[in-house]
Amino acid sequence: MEPGQEDNPNSGGPQGGPPGAHVRKLSLYESLADSLKDEIRGQRVPTGAVLLEGPLAELFGTSRAPVRQALRILADEGLISRFDGRGFVVGPSGTAPIRANLAEILVDLAAQQEERPSFAWQTIYEEVESQVVYRSFFGRLRVNELELARHYGVGRTVARDVMLRLETLGLIEKDDASRWSIVPLDNRRLSDLYEVREHLEPLALGGALERLSDAEIGAMLDRHLEALAQYPNVTAATMYDLELDLHVRCVQRSPNQELVKILQRTHCVLTLSKHTVGIRVAMPDHEPFMGEHISAFRTMLRRDREGLQLVMRSHIHGSLAKVMERAETVRHGPPPARLSYFS
């Protein structure tokens, strides 16, 4: 099992529910977002309370990255709004800020986060992944494991676990001298990755079909139908999660685990959209992947293995141009700022 696979959005496992159910665990930022939503909707966090990344990260004992993503989800759902360029205020835009002692208000929530089973590498992983993905559009850079540990004030083992996770996703690699470097996501590599996906992912899904119940497929289909009905009022985090349904969670059920391991290195193209759409690239007016996923799930429910493979090849083949366009948009944007662990 890869470092932290037990609690990563790219992994799942039985957590109760119907026999054979494949239920994923929430990532750290999703758990924080859900908990904060409950506090806000339950009016325990009052309208006008100011939410700042730093104090919340300190309160929850994590880095700023998962807090930042959690706040982004809340903002996308209209529960909080930007305040004075420094943070967020609970309520719609224009809400007057009030003084609120969040340390007292959220003391129970902070205790729950402390009790939540997690791995040390998760507290910094999302932020490091985002930085690596962003820089992958601009060429090859060295990633210094020791400097990474120093930058975040963590142990060398924690930094190494982060590097190993990034390696499994094909975002970084180690050379003959054991030096880590970012693998550039240029157009040549994007084409190569999509060629691998187009040939192997339909095959893996065909094998997974026998291990996926109608209830599991139906639940994924329902999530997509709900998101499609709400689009474009859908968060970037939700969009990424829908991608994982078909391209990760279903694929992982394939009996051919060698195929699964090979395809894991192509997941960097999913992280590309995760860290760009709605952040560095505007949400498109129309997002065809949800309709194409829906077609795939309906084909799966018919247990049409051959039809599923045709649908998947068409879907993956047609996605390449869209991903290249997004990558080009990022490349023409501002270059990344200098960080001590990149050289």
C-alpha atoms as a PDB file:
ATOM      1  CA  MET A   1       0.000   0.000   0.000  1.00  0.00           C
ATOM      2  CA  GLU A   2       1.319   3.451  -0.894  1.00  0.00           C
ATOM      3  CA  PRO A   3       2.059   6.018   1.839  1.00  0.00           C
ATOM      4  CA  GLY A   4      -1.217   7.413   3.096  1.00  0.00           C
ATOM      5  CA  GLN A   5      -3.381   5.420   0.707  1.00  0.00           C
ATOM      6  CA  GLU A   6      -5.658   4.711   3.643  1.00  0.00           C
ATOM      7  CA  ASP A   7      -6.813   8.342   3.596  1.00  0.00           C
ATOM      8  CA  ASN A   8      -6.365   9.808   0.170  1.00  0.00           C
ATOM      9  CA  PRO A   9      -8.945  10.930  -2.375  1.00  0.00           C
ATOM     10  CA  ASN A  10      -7.403   8.512  -4.829  1.00  0.00           C
ATOM     11  CA  SER A  11      -8.087   5.485  -2.704  1.00  0.00           C
ATOM     12  CA  GLY A  12     -11.069   3.773  -1.178  1.00  0.00           C
ATOM     13  CA  GLY A  13     -12.065   0.700   0.708  1.00  0.00           C
ATOM     14  CA  PRO A  14     -14.933  -0.984   2.506  1.00  0.00           C
ATOM     15  CA  GLN A  15     -16.304   1.245   5.234  1.00  0.00           C
ATOM     16  CA  GLY A  16     -19.572  -0.512   5.947  1.00  0.00           C
ATOM     17  CA  GLY A  17     -22.554  -0.150   3.650  1.00  0.00           C
ATOM     18  CA  PRO A  18     -23.826  -2.829   1.290  1.00  0.00           C
ATOM     19  CA  PRO A  19     -21.754  -5.954   0.733  1.00  0.00           C
ATOM     20  CA  GLY A  20     -18.982  -5.304  -1.740  1.00  0.00           C
ATOM     21  CA  ALA A  21     -19.354  -1.534  -1.436  1.00  0.00           C
ATOM     22  CA  HIS A  22     -16.301   0.495  -2.313  1.00  0.00           C
ATOM     23  CA  VAL A  23     -16.534   3.599  -0.148  1.00  0.00           C
ATOM     24  CA  ARG A  24     -13.695   6.089  -0.154  1.00  0.00           C
ATOM     25  CA  LYS A  25     -12.411   7.892   2.910  1.00  0.00           C
ATOM     26  CA  LEU A  26     -12.494  11.669   2.975  1.00  0.00           C
ATOM     27  CA  SER A  27      -9.239  13.517   2.498  1.00  0.00           C
ATOM     28  CA  LEU A  28      -8.127  15.942   5.186  1.00  0.00           C
ATOM     29  CA  TYR A  29      -9.401  19.051   3.381  1.00  0.00           C
ATOM     30  CA  GLU A  30     -12.757  17.407   2.634  1.00  0.00           C
ATOM     31  CA  SER A  31     -13.146  16.431   6.288  1.00  0.00           C
ATOM     32  CA  LEU A  32     -12.350  19.991   7.361  1.00  0.00           C
ATOM     33  CA  ALA A  33     -14.775  21.432   4.800  1.00  0.00           C
ATOM     34  CA  ASP A  34     -17.621  19.136   5.887  1.00  0.00           C
ATOM     35  CA  SER A  35     -17.003  19.893   9.564  1.00  0.00           C
ATOM     36  CA  LEU A  36     -16.907  23.660   9.004  1.00  0.00           C
ATOM     37  CA  LYS A  37     -20.099  23.467   6.919  1.00  0.00           C
ATOM     38  CA  ASP A  38     -21.869  21.769   9.830  1.00  0.00           C
ATOM     39  CA  GLU A  39     -20.629  24.442  12.254  1.00  0.00           C
ATOM     40  CA  ILE A  40     -21.763  27.276   9.976  1.00  0.00           C
ATOM     41  CA  ARG A  41     -25.137  25.765   9.075  1.00  0.00           C
ATOM     42  CA  GLY A  42     -25.735  24.963  12.736  1.00  0.00           C
ATOM     43  CA  GLN A  43     -24.995  28.650  13.474  1.00  0.00           C
ATOM     44  CA  ARG A  44     -22.291  27.705  15.953  1.00  0.00           C
ATOM     45  CA  VAL A  45     -19.971  29.827  13.816  1.00  0.00           C
ATOM     46  CA  PRO A  46     -21.924  33.099  13.562  1.00  0.00           C
ATOM     47  CA  THR A  47     -22.491  35.151  10.430  1.00  0.00           C
ATOM     48  CA  GLY A  48     -19.735  37.711  10.188  1.00  0.00           C
ATOM     49  CA  ALA A  49     -17.051  35.554  11.818  1.00  0.00           C
ATOM     50  CA  VAL A  50     -13.706  35.978  10.039  1.00  0.00           C
ATOM     51  CA  LEU A  51     -11.908  32.817   8.902  1.00  0.00           C
ATOM     52  CA  LEU A  52      -8.164  33.113   8.281  1.00  0.00           C
ATOM     53  CA  GLU A  53      -5.944  30.301   6.965  1.00  0.00           C
ATOM     54  CA  GLY A  54      -3.140  30.701   9.490  1.00  0.00           C
ATOM     55  CA  PRO A  55      -5.158  30.682  12.739  1.00  0.00           C
ATOM     56  CA  LEU A  56      -7.358  27.814  11.490  1.00  0.00           C
ATOM     57  CA  ALA A  57      -4.322  25.761  10.457  1.00  0.00           C
ATOM     58  CA  GLU A  58      -2.813  26.308  13.914  1.00  0.00           C
ATOM     59  CA  LEU A  59      -6.096  25.419  15.600  1.00  0.00           C
ATOM     60  CA  PHE A  60      -6.470  22.176  13.628  1.00  0.00           C
ATOM     61  CA  GLY A  61      -2.774  21.266  13.813  1.00  0.00           C
ATOM     62  CA  THR A  62      -2.262  21.134  10.056  1.00  0.00           C
ATOM     63  CA  SER A  63      -0.586  23.117   7.287  1.00  0.00           C
ATOM     64  CA  ARG A  64      -2.389  25.903   5.468  1.00  0.00           C
ATOM     65  CA  ALA A  65      -2.966  23.845   2.294  1.00  0.00           C
ATOM     66  CA  PRO A  66      -5.899  21.671   3.470  1.00  0.00           C
ATOM     67  CA  VAL A  67      -7.420  24.676   5.251  1.00  0.00           C
ATOM     68  CA  ARG A  68      -7.097  26.726   2.058  1.00  0.00           C
ATOM     69  CA  GLN A  69      -8.856  24.022   0.022  1.00  0.00           C
ATOM     70  CA  ALA A  70     -11.579  23.622   2.642  1.00  0.00           C
ATOM     71  CA  LEU A  71     -12.251  27.381   2.624  1.00  0.00           C
ATOM     72  CA  ARG A  72     -12.341  27.364  -1.174  1.00  0.00           C
ATOM     73  CA  ILE A  73     -15.081  24.711  -1.069  1.00  0.00           C
ATOM     74  CA  LEU A  74     -17.101  26.775   1.416  1.00  0.00           C
ATOM     75  CA  ALA A  75     -16.670  29.882  -0.755  1.00  0.00           C
ATOM     76  CA  ASP A  76     -17.732  28.000  -3.889  1.00  0.00           C
ATOM     77  CA  GLU A  77     -20.898  26.914  -2.067  1.00  0.00           C
ATOM     78  CA  GLY A  78     -21.658  30.475  -0.956  1.00  0.00           C
ATOM     79  CA  LEU A  79     -21.274  29.881   2.785  1.00  0.00           C
ATOM     80  CA  ILE A  80     -18.378  32.331   3.106  1.00  0.00           C
ATOM     81  CA  SER A  81     -17.055  35.226   1.029  1.00  0.00           C
ATOM     82  CA  ARG A  82     -13.767  37.063   0.556  1.00  0.00           C
ATOM     83  CA  PHE A  83     -12.992  39.657   3.214  1.00  0.00           C
ATOM     84  CA  ASP A  84     -10.521  42.528   2.882  1.00  0.00           C
ATOM     85  CA  GLY A  85      -8.167  40.393   0.773  1.00  0.00           C
ATOM     86  CA  ARG A  86      -6.909  38.598   3.895  1.00  0.00           C
ATOM     87  CA  GLY A  87      -9.389  35.838   4.449  1.00  0.00           C
ATOM     88  CA  PHE A  88     -13.089  35.035   4.458  1.00  0.00           C
ATOM     89  CA  VAL A  89     -16.135  36.163   6.349  1.00  0.00           C
ATOM     90  CA  VAL A  90     -19.070  33.844   7.112  1.00  0.00           C
ATOM     91  CA  GLY A  91     -21.975  34.987   4.962  1.00  0.00           C
ATOM     92  CA  PRO A  92     -22.465  36.549   1.525  1.00  0.00           C
ATOM     93  CA  SER A  93     -20.291  39.281   0.029  1.00  0.00           C
ATOM     94  CA  GLY A  94     -20.666  42.545   1.945  1.00  0.00           C
ATOM     95  CA  THR A  95     -21.333  40.877   5.315  1.00  0.00           C
ATOM     96  CA  ALA A  96     -19.921  43.025   8.119  1.00  0.00           C
ATOM     97  CA  PRO A  97     -17.190  41.252  10.119  1.00  0.00           C
ATOM     98  CA  ILE A  98     -17.651  40.656  13.837  1.00  0.00           C
ATOM     99  CA  ARG A  99     -15.285  39.670  16.618  1.00  0.00           C
ATOM    100  CA  ALA A 100     -15.582  35.938  17.290  1.00  0.00           C
ATOM    101  CA  ASN A 101     -13.303  33.697  19.330  1.00  0.00           C
ATOM    102  CA  LEU A 102     -12.958  30.760  16.953  1.00  0.00           C
ATOM    103  CA  ALA A 103     -10.621  28.931  19.336  1.00  0.00           C
ATOM    104  CA  GLU A 104     -13.544  28.717  21.792  1.00  0.00           C
ATOM    105  CA  ILE A 105     -16.241  28.157  19.185  1.00  0.00           C
ATOM    106  CA  LEU A 106     -14.361  25.398  17.372  1.00  0.00           C
ATOM    107  CA  VAL A 107     -12.725  23.728  20.376  1.00  0.00           C
ATOM    108  CA  ASP A 108     -14.742  20.518  19.919  1.00  0.00           C
ATOM    109  CA  LEU A 109     -14.043  20.462  16.186  1.00  0.00           C
ATOM    110  CA  ALA A 110     -10.316  20.916  16.812  1.00  0.00           C
ATOM    111  CA  ALA A 111     -10.394  18.003  19.259  1.00  0.00           C
ATOM    112  CA  GLN A 112     -12.122  15.825  16.657  1.00  0.00           C
ATOM    113  CA  GLN A 113      -9.390  16.626  14.148  1.00  0.00           C
ATOM    114  CA  GLU A 114      -6.731  15.648  16.689  1.00  0.00           C
ATOM    115  CA  GLU A 115      -8.459  12.295  17.191  1.00  0.00           C
ATOM    116  CA  ARG A 116      -8.849  11.738  13.454  1.00  0.00           C
ATOM    117  CA  PRO A 117      -6.520   8.955  12.249  1.00  0.00           C
ATOM    118  CA  SER A 118      -4.074  10.484   9.802  1.00  0.00           C
ATOM    119  CA  PHE A 119      -0.510  10.366   8.583  1.00  0.00           C
ATOM    120  CA  ALA A 120       2.032  13.120   9.114  1.00  0.00           C
ATOM    121  CA  TRP A 121       2.710  13.497   5.389  1.00  0.00           C
ATOM    122  CA  GLN A 122      -0.933  14.443   4.734  1.00  0.00           C
ATOM    123  CA  THR A 123      -0.575  17.756   6.567  1.00  0.00           C
ATOM    124  CA  ILE A 124       1.678  19.113   3.800  1.00  0.00           C
ATOM    125  CA  TYR A 125       0.920  16.879   0.829  1.00  0.00           C
ATOM    126  CA  GLU A 126      -1.796  18.901  -0.918  1.00  0.00           C
ATOM    127  CA  GLU A 127       0.285  22.067  -0.865  1.00  0.00           C
ATOM    128  CA  VAL A 128       3.402  20.315  -2.181  1.00  0.00           C
ATOM    129  CA  GLU A 129       1.405  18.543  -4.888  1.00  0.00           C
ATOM    130  CA  SER A 130      -0.066  21.858  -6.007  1.00  0.00           C
ATOM    131  CA  GLN A 131       3.387  23.455  -6.199  1.00  0.00           C
ATOM    132  CA  VAL A 132       4.826  20.503  -8.146  1.00  0.00           C
ATOM    133  CA  VAL A 133       1.922  20.356 -10.620  1.00  0.00           C
ATOM    134  CA  TYR A 134       2.182  24.104 -11.279  1.00  0.00           C
ATOM    135  CA  ARG A 135       5.926  23.880 -11.950  1.00  0.00           C
ATOM    136  CA  SER A 136       5.577  20.800 -14.150  1.00  0.00           C
ATOM    137  CA  PHE A 137       4.236  23.059 -16.928  1.00  0.00           C
ATOM    138  CA  PHE A 138       7.456  25.073 -16.945  1.00  0.00           C
ATOM    139  CA  GLY A 139      10.020  22.284 -17.339  1.00  0.00           C
ATOM    140  CA  ARG A 140      12.201  20.042 -15.216  1.00  0.00           C
ATOM    141  CA  LEU A 141      13.251  21.189 -11.741  1.00  0.00           C
ATOM    142  CA  ARG A 142      15.103  19.433  -8.942  1.00  0.00           C
ATOM    143  CA  VAL A 143      13.172  18.772  -5.740  1.00  0.00           C
ATOM    144  CA  ASN A 144      15.349  18.714  -2.639  1.00  0.00           C
ATOM    145  CA  GLU A 145      13.939  16.338  -0.041  1.00  0.00           C
ATOM    146  CA  LEU A 146      15.951  17.828   2.842  1.00  0.00           C
ATOM    147  CA  GLU A 147      14.952  21.403   1.938  1.00  0.00           C
ATOM    148  CA  LEU A 148      11.327  20.279   1.659  1.00  0.00           C
ATOM    149  CA  ALA A 149      11.499  18.946   5.223  1.00  0.00           C
ATOM    150  CA  ARG A 150      13.100  22.172   6.458  1.00  0.00           C
ATOM    151  CA  HIS A 151      10.608  24.386   4.629  1.00  0.00           C
ATOM    152  CA  TYR A 152       7.634  22.745   6.324  1.00  0.00           C
ATOM    153  CA  GLY A 153       9.335  21.975   9.634  1.00  0.00           C
ATOM    154  CA  VAL A 154       8.800  18.220   9.328  1.00  0.00           C
ATOM    155  CA  GLY A 155      11.064  15.182   9.571  1.00  0.00           C
ATOM    156  CA  ARG A 156      12.954  13.717   6.644  1.00  0.00           C
ATOM    157  CA  THR A 157      10.740  10.610   6.744  1.00  0.00           C
ATOM    158  CA  VAL A 158       7.609  12.750   6.290  1.00  0.00           C
ATOM    159  CA  ALA A 159       9.203  14.530   3.333  1.00  0.00           C
ATOM    160  CA  ARG A 160      10.185  11.192   1.804  1.00  0.00           C
ATOM    161  CA  ASP A 161       6.617   9.876   2.130  1.00  0.00           C
ATOM    162  CA  VAL A 162       5.395  12.944   0.243  1.00  0.00           C
ATOM    163  CA  MET A 163       7.989  12.328  -2.492  1.00  0.00           C
ATOM    164  CA  LEU A 164       7.028   8.678  -2.809  1.00  0.00           C
ATOM    165  CA  ARG A 165       3.370   9.583  -3.244  1.00  0.00           C
ATOM    166  CA  LEU A 166       4.249  12.152  -5.913  1.00  0.00           C
ATOM    167  CA  GLU A 167       6.363   9.515  -7.651  1.00  0.00           C
ATOM    168  CA  THR A 168       3.503   7.002  -7.821  1.00  0.00           C
ATOM    169  CA  LEU A 169       1.397   9.632  -9.605  1.00  0.00           C
ATOM    170  CA  GLY A 170       4.139  10.257 -12.170  1.00  0.00           C
ATOM    171  CA  LEU A 171       4.755  13.832 -10.994  1.00  0.00           C
ATOM    172  CA  ILE A 172       8.387  13.373  -9.942  1.00  0.00           C
ATOM    173  CA  GLU A 173      11.093  10.792 -10.561  1.00  0.00           C
ATOM    174  CA  LYS A 174      14.509   9.856  -9.195  1.00  0.00           C
ATOM    175  CA  ASP A 175      17.638   9.751 -11.380  1.00  0.00           C
ATOM    176  CA  ASP A 176      20.633   7.392 -11.163  1.00  0.00           C
ATOM    177  CA  ALA A 177      22.187   9.627  -8.506  1.00  0.00           C
ATOM    178  CA  SER A 178      19.016   9.364  -6.354  1.00  0.00           C
ATOM    179  CA  ARG A 179      18.072  12.992  -6.985  1.00  0.00           C
ATOM    180  CA  TRP A 180      14.385  13.858  -7.290  1.00  0.00           C
ATOM    181  CA  SER A 181      13.104  16.026 -10.127  1.00  0.00           C
ATOM    182  CA  ILE A 182       9.768  17.147 -11.543  1.00  0.00           C
ATOM    183  CA  VAL A 183       8.692  15.321 -14.699  1.00  0.00           C
ATOM    184  CA  PRO A 184       7.624  18.076 -17.128  1.00  0.00           C
ATOM    185  CA  LEU A 185       4.024  17.954 -18.332  1.00  0.00           C
ATOM    186  CA  ASP A 186       4.747  19.152 -21.854  1.00  0.00           C
ATOM    187  CA  ASN A 187       2.574  18.311 -24.856  1.00  0.00           C
ATOM    188  CA  ARG A 188       4.693  15.307 -25.795  1.00  0.00           C
ATOM    189  CA  ARG A 189       4.252  13.740 -22.379  1.00  0.00           C
ATOM    190  CA  LEU A 190       0.548  14.570 -22.244  1.00  0.00           C
ATOM    191  CA  SER A 191       0.103  12.812 -25.606  1.00  0.00           C
ATOM    192  CA  ASP A 192       2.042   9.783 -24.358  1.00  0.00           C
ATOM    193  CA  LEU A 193       0.040   9.561 -21.144  1.00  0.00           C
ATOM    194  CA  TYR A 194      -3.268   9.775 -22.980  1.00  0.00           C
ATOM    195  CA  GLU A 195      -2.137   7.103 -25.417  1.00  0.00           C
ATOM    196  CA  VAL A 196      -1.450   4.786 -22.469  1.00  0.00           C
ATOM    197  CA  ARG A 197      -4.817   5.634 -20.931  1.00  0.00           C
ATOM    198  CA  GLU A 198      -6.709   5.152 -24.194  1.00  0.00           C
ATOM    199  CA  HIS A 199      -5.317   1.642 -24.618  1.00  0.00           C
ATOM    200  CA  LEU A 200      -5.191   0.369 -21.033  1.00  0.00           C
ATOM    201  CA  GLU A 201      -7.943   2.095 -19.061  1.00  0.00           C
ATOM    202  CA  PRO A 202     -10.838   0.585 -21.081  1.00  0.00           C
ATOM    203  CA  LEU A 203      -9.236  -2.827 -20.612  1.00  0.00           C
ATOM    204  CA  ALA A 204      -8.916  -2.332 -16.849  1.00  0.00           C
ATOM    205  CA  LEU A 205     -12.519  -1.095 -16.561  1.00  0.00           C
ATOM    206  CA  GLY A 206     -13.762  -4.072 -18.553  1.00  0.00           C
ATOM    207  CA  GLY A 207     -12.177  -6.354 -15.976  1.00  0.00           C
ATOM    208  CA  ALA A 208     -13.473  -4.242 -13.068  1.00  0.00           C
ATOM    209  CA  LEU A 209     -17.050  -4.566 -14.311  1.00  0.00           C
ATOM    210  CA  GLU A 210     -17.496  -7.984 -12.678  1.00  0.00           C
ATOM    211  CA  ARG A 211     -16.412  -6.560  -9.307  1.00  0.00           C
ATOM    212  CA  LEU A 212     -18.658  -3.494  -9.282  1.00  0.00           C
ATOM    213  CA  SER A 213     -22.220  -3.882  -7.996  1.00  0.00           C
ATOM    214  CA  ASP A 214     -25.238  -2.132  -9.473  1.00  0.00           C
ATOM    215  CA  ALA A 215     -25.553  -0.187  -6.208  1.00  0.00           C
ATOM    216  CA  GLU A 216     -22.011   1.181  -6.483  1.00  0.00           C
ATOM    217  CA  ILE A 217     -22.366   2.118 -10.141  1.00  0.00           C
ATOM    218  CA  GLY A 218     -25.786   3.634  -9.485  1.00  0.00           C
ATOM    219  CA  ALA A 219     -24.422   5.795  -6.657  1.00  0.00           C
ATOM    220  CA  MET A 220     -21.697   7.183  -8.930  1.00  0.00           C
ATOM    221  CA  LEU A 221     -24.230   7.769 -11.698  1.00  0.00           C
ATOM    222  CA  ASP A 222     -26.498   9.676  -9.299  1.00  0.00           C
ATOM    223  CA  ARG A 223     -23.609  11.899  -8.165  1.00  0.00           C
ATOM    224  CA  HIS A 224     -22.869  12.794 -11.780  1.00  0.00           C
ATOM    225  CA  LEU A 225     -26.516  13.474 -12.631  1.00  0.00           C
ATOM    226  CA  GLU A 226     -26.838  15.763  -9.606  1.00  0.00           C
ATOM    227  CA  ALA A 227     -23.644  17.660 -10.498  1.00  0.00           C
ATOM    228  CA  LEU A 228     -24.697  18.006 -14.132  1.00  0.00           C
ATOM    229  CA  ALA A 229     -28.043  19.468 -13.060  1.00  0.00           C
ATOM    230  CA  GLN A 230     -26.238  22.041 -10.885  1.00  0.00           C
ATOM    231  CA  TYR A 231     -23.441  22.945 -13.313  1.00  0.00           C
ATOM    232  CA  PRO A 232     -21.774  25.468 -13.396  1.00  0.00           C
ATOM    233  CA  ASN A 233     -22.596  25.900  -9.703  1.00  0.00           C
ATOM    234  CA  VAL A 234     -20.289  23.008  -8.856  1.00  0.00           C
ATOM    235  CA  THR A 235     -17.033  23.286  -6.916  1.00  0.00           C
ATOM    236  CA  ALA A 236     -13.677  22.390  -8.441  1.00  0.00           C
ATOM    237  CA  ALA A 237     -13.277  19.836  -5.641  1.00  0.00           C
ATOM    238  CA  THR A 238     -16.537  18.159  -6.697  1.00  0.00           C
ATOM    239  CA  MET A 239     -15.410  18.077 -10.325  1.00  0.00           C
ATOM    240  CA  TYR A 240     -12.152  16.388  -9.335  1.00  0.00           C
ATOM    241  CA  ASP A 241     -14.039  13.893  -7.189  1.00  0.00           C
ATOM    242  CA  LEU A 242     -16.256  12.958 -10.133  1.00  0.00           C
ATOM    243  CA  GLU A 243     -13.154  12.313 -12.236  1.00  0.00           C
ATOM    244  CA  LEU A 244     -11.888   9.965  -9.534  1.00  0.00           C
ATOM    245  CA  ASP A 245     -15.138   7.965  -9.566  1.00  0.00           C
ATOM    246  CA  LEU A 246     -14.614   6.600 -13.063  1.00  0.00           C
ATOM    247  CA  HIS A 247     -10.894   6.901 -13.663  1.00  0.00           C
ATOM    248  CA  VAL A 248      -9.565   5.834 -10.273  1.00  0.00           C
ATOM    249  CA  ARG A 249     -12.115   4.148  -8.027  1.00  0.00           C
ATOM    250  CA  CYS A 250     -13.598   1.960 -10.756  1.00  0.00           C
ATOM    251  CA  VAL A 251     -10.229   1.196 -12.332  1.00  0.00           C
ATOM    252  CA  GLN A 252      -8.834   0.120  -8.942  1.00  0.00           C
ATOM    253  CA  ARG A 253     -11.370  -2.719  -8.897  1.00  0.00           C
ATOM    254  CA  SER A 254      -9.760  -4.405 -11.888  1.00  0.00           C
ATOM    255  CA  PRO A 255      -8.530  -7.944 -11.084  1.00  0.00           C
ATOM    256  CA  ASN A 256      -5.386  -7.128 -13.106  1.00  0.00           C
ATOM    257  CA  GLN A 257      -3.451  -5.110 -10.546  1.00  0.00           C
ATOM    258  CA  GLU A 258      -0.482  -4.766 -12.897  1.00  0.00           C
ATOM    259  CA  LEU A 259      -2.706  -2.650 -15.142  1.00  0.00           C
ATOM    260  CA  VAL A 260      -3.797  -0.614 -12.129  1.00  0.00           C
ATOM    261  CA  LYS A 261      -0.179   0.108 -11.156  1.00  0.00           C
ATOM    262  CA  ILE A 262       0.732   1.192 -14.678  1.00  0.00           C
ATOM    263  CA  LEU A 263      -2.299   3.481 -14.890  1.00  0.00           C
ATOM    264  CA  GLN A 264      -1.511   5.070 -11.538  1.00  0.00           C
ATOM    265  CA  ARG A 265       1.382   6.913 -13.187  1.00  0.00           C
ATOM    266  CA  THR A 266      -1.100   8.581 -15.530  1.00  0.00           C
ATOM    267  CA  HIS A 267      -3.039  10.126 -12.633  1.00  0.00           C
ATOM    268  CA  CYS A 268      -0.910  13.257 -12.912  1.00  0.00           C
ATOM    269  CA  VAL A 269      -3.265  14.373 -15.710  1.00  0.00           C
ATOM    270  CA  LEU A 270      -6.135  14.299 -13.202  1.00  0.00           C
ATOM    271  CA  THR A 271      -4.164  16.368 -10.703  1.00  0.00           C
ATOM    272  CA  LEU A 272      -3.538  18.835 -13.538  1.00  0.00           C
ATOM    273  CA  SER A 273      -7.227  19.747 -13.643  1.00  0.00           C
ATOM    274  CA  LYS A 274      -7.510  19.528  -9.846  1.00  0.00           C
ATOM    275  CA  HIS A 275      -4.998  22.338  -9.369  1.00  0.00           C
ATOM    276  CA  THR A 276      -5.889  24.486 -12.388  1.00  0.00           C
ATOM    277  CA  VAL A 277      -9.620  24.451 -13.208  1.00  0.00           C
ATOM    278  CA  GLY A 278     -11.401  27.144 -11.243  1.00  0.00           C
ATOM    279  CA  ILE A 279      -8.033  28.340  -9.911  1.00  0.00           C
ATOM    280  CA  ARG A 280      -5.645  29.174 -12.775  1.00  0.00           C
ATOM    281  CA  VAL A 281      -8.084  28.301 -15.580  1.00  0.00           C
ATOM    282  CA  ALA A 282     -11.701  29.479 -15.623  1.00  0.00           C
ATOM    283  CA  MET A 283     -14.473  26.914 -15.228  1.00  0.00           C
ATOM    284  CA  PRO A 284     -15.736  26.145 -18.760  1.00  0.00           C
ATOM    285  CA  ASP A 285     -19.245  27.145 -19.763  1.00  0.00           C
ATOM    286  CA  HIS A 286     -19.835  23.529 -20.742  1.00  0.00           C
ATOM    287  CA  GLU A 287     -17.993  20.533 -19.292  1.00  0.00           C
ATOM    288  CA  PRO A 288     -18.574  17.466 -21.494  1.00  0.00           C
ATOM    289  CA  PHE A 289     -16.859  14.931 -19.246  1.00  0.00           C
ATOM    290  CA  MET A 290     -19.859  14.581 -16.911  1.00  0.00           C
ATOM    291  CA  GLY A 291     -22.164  13.550 -19.749  1.00  0.00           C
ATOM    292  CA  GLU A 292     -19.523  11.159 -21.058  1.00  0.00           C
ATOM    293  CA  HIS A 293     -19.080   9.641 -17.596  1.00  0.00           C
ATOM    294  CA  ILE A 294     -22.852   9.236 -17.317  1.00  0.00           C
ATOM    295  CA  SER A 295     -22.842   7.339 -20.618  1.00  0.00           C
ATOM    296  CA  ALA A 296     -20.072   5.083 -19.299  1.00  0.00           C
ATOM    297  CA  PHE A 297     -21.923   4.322 -16.051  1.00  0.00           C
ATOM    298  CA  ARG A 298     -25.145   3.519 -17.908  1.00  0.00           C
ATOM    299  CA  THR A 299     -23.201   1.178 -20.170  1.00  0.00           C
ATOM    300  CA  MET A 300     -21.734  -0.450 -17.067  1.00  0.00           C
ATOM    301  CA  LEU A 301     -25.197  -0.990 -15.608  1.00  0.00           C
ATOM    302  CA  ARG A 302     -26.129  -2.843 -18.820  1.00  0.00           C
ATOM    303  CA  ARG A 303     -23.017  -4.993 -18.225  1.00  0.00           C
ATOM    304  CA  ASP A 304     -21.957  -4.218 -21.786  1.00  0.00           C
ATOM    305  CA  ARG A 305     -18.212  -4.780 -21.569  1.00  0.00           C
ATOM    306  CA  GLU A 306     -17.495  -4.196 -25.247  1.00  0.00           C
ATOM    307  CA  GLY A 307     -19.672  -1.085 -25.339  1.00  0.00           C
ATOM    308  CA  LEU A 308     -17.949   0.255 -22.219  1.00  0.00           C
ATOM    309  CA  GLN A 309     -14.531  -0.064 -23.817  1.00  0.00           C
ATOM    310  CA  LEU A 310     -15.715   1.831 -26.897  1.00  0.00           C
ATOM    311  CA  VAL A 311     -17.241   4.604 -24.767  1.00  0.00           C
ATOM    312  CA  MET A 312     -14.059   4.915 -22.700  1.00  0.00           C
ATOM    313  CA  ARG A 313     -11.715   5.046 -25.693  1.00  0.00           C
ATOM    314  CA  SER A 314     -13.808   7.809 -27.232  1.00  0.00           C
ATOM    315  CA  HIS A 315     -13.969   9.729 -23.944  1.00  0.00           C
ATOM    316  CA  ILE A 316     -10.228   9.565 -23.248  1.00  0.00           C
ATOM    317  CA  HIS A 317      -9.257  10.315 -26.853  1.00  0.00           C
ATOM    318  CA  GLY A 318     -11.466  13.395 -26.900  1.00  0.00           C
ATOM    319  CA  SER A 319     -10.139  14.717 -23.571  1.00  0.00           C
ATOM    320  CA  LEU A 320      -6.552  15.258 -24.730  1.00  0.00           C
ATOM    321  CA  ALA A 321      -7.164  18.499 -26.658  1.00  0.00           C
ATOM    322  CA  LYS A 322      -8.989  20.025 -23.679  1.00  0.00           C
ATOM    323  CA  VAL A 323      -6.159  19.144 -21.281  1.00  0.00           C
ATOM    324  CA  MET A 324      -3.516  20.533 -23.661  1.00  0.00           C
ATOM    325  CA  GLU A 325      -5.462  23.768 -23.939  1.00  0.00           C
ATOM    326  CA  ARG A 326      -5.582  24.123 -20.152  1.00  0.00           C
ATOM    327  CA  ALA A 327      -1.865  23.383 -19.876  1.00  0.00           C
ATOM    328  CA  GLU A 328      -1.099  26.048 -22.468  1.00  0.00           C
ATOM    329  CA  THR A 329      -3.173  28.583 -20.535  1.00  0.00           C
ATOM    330  CA  VAL A 330      -1.132  27.925 -17.405  1.00  0.00           C
ATOM    331  CA  ARG A 331       2.176  28.182 -19.308  1.00  0.00           C
ATOM    332  CA  HIS A 332       1.200  31.629 -20.570  1.00  0.00           C
ATOM    333  CA  GLY A 333       0.327  32.780 -17.074  1.00  0.00           C
ATOM    334  CA  PRO A 334       2.673  34.091 -14.384  1.00  0.00           C
ATOM    335  CA  PRO A 335       5.703  31.896 -13.645  1.00  0.00           C
ATOM    336  CA  PRO A 336       5.817  30.193 -10.241  1.00  0.00           C
ATOM    337  CA  ALA A 337       7.488  31.956  -7.332  1.00  0.00           C
ATOM    338  CA  ARG A 338      10.828  30.683  -6.084  1.00  0.00           C
ATOM    339  CA  LEU A 339      10.725  28.139  -3.238  1.00  0.00           C
ATOM    340  CA  SER A 340      13.732  26.795  -1.349  1.00  0.00           C
ATOM    341  CA  TYR A 341      13.123  23.135  -2.175  1.00  0.00           C
ATOM    342  CA  PHE A 342      13.052  23.637  -5.958  1.00  0.00           C
ATOM    343  CA  SER A 343      16.186  24.343  -8.000  1.00  0.00           C
END
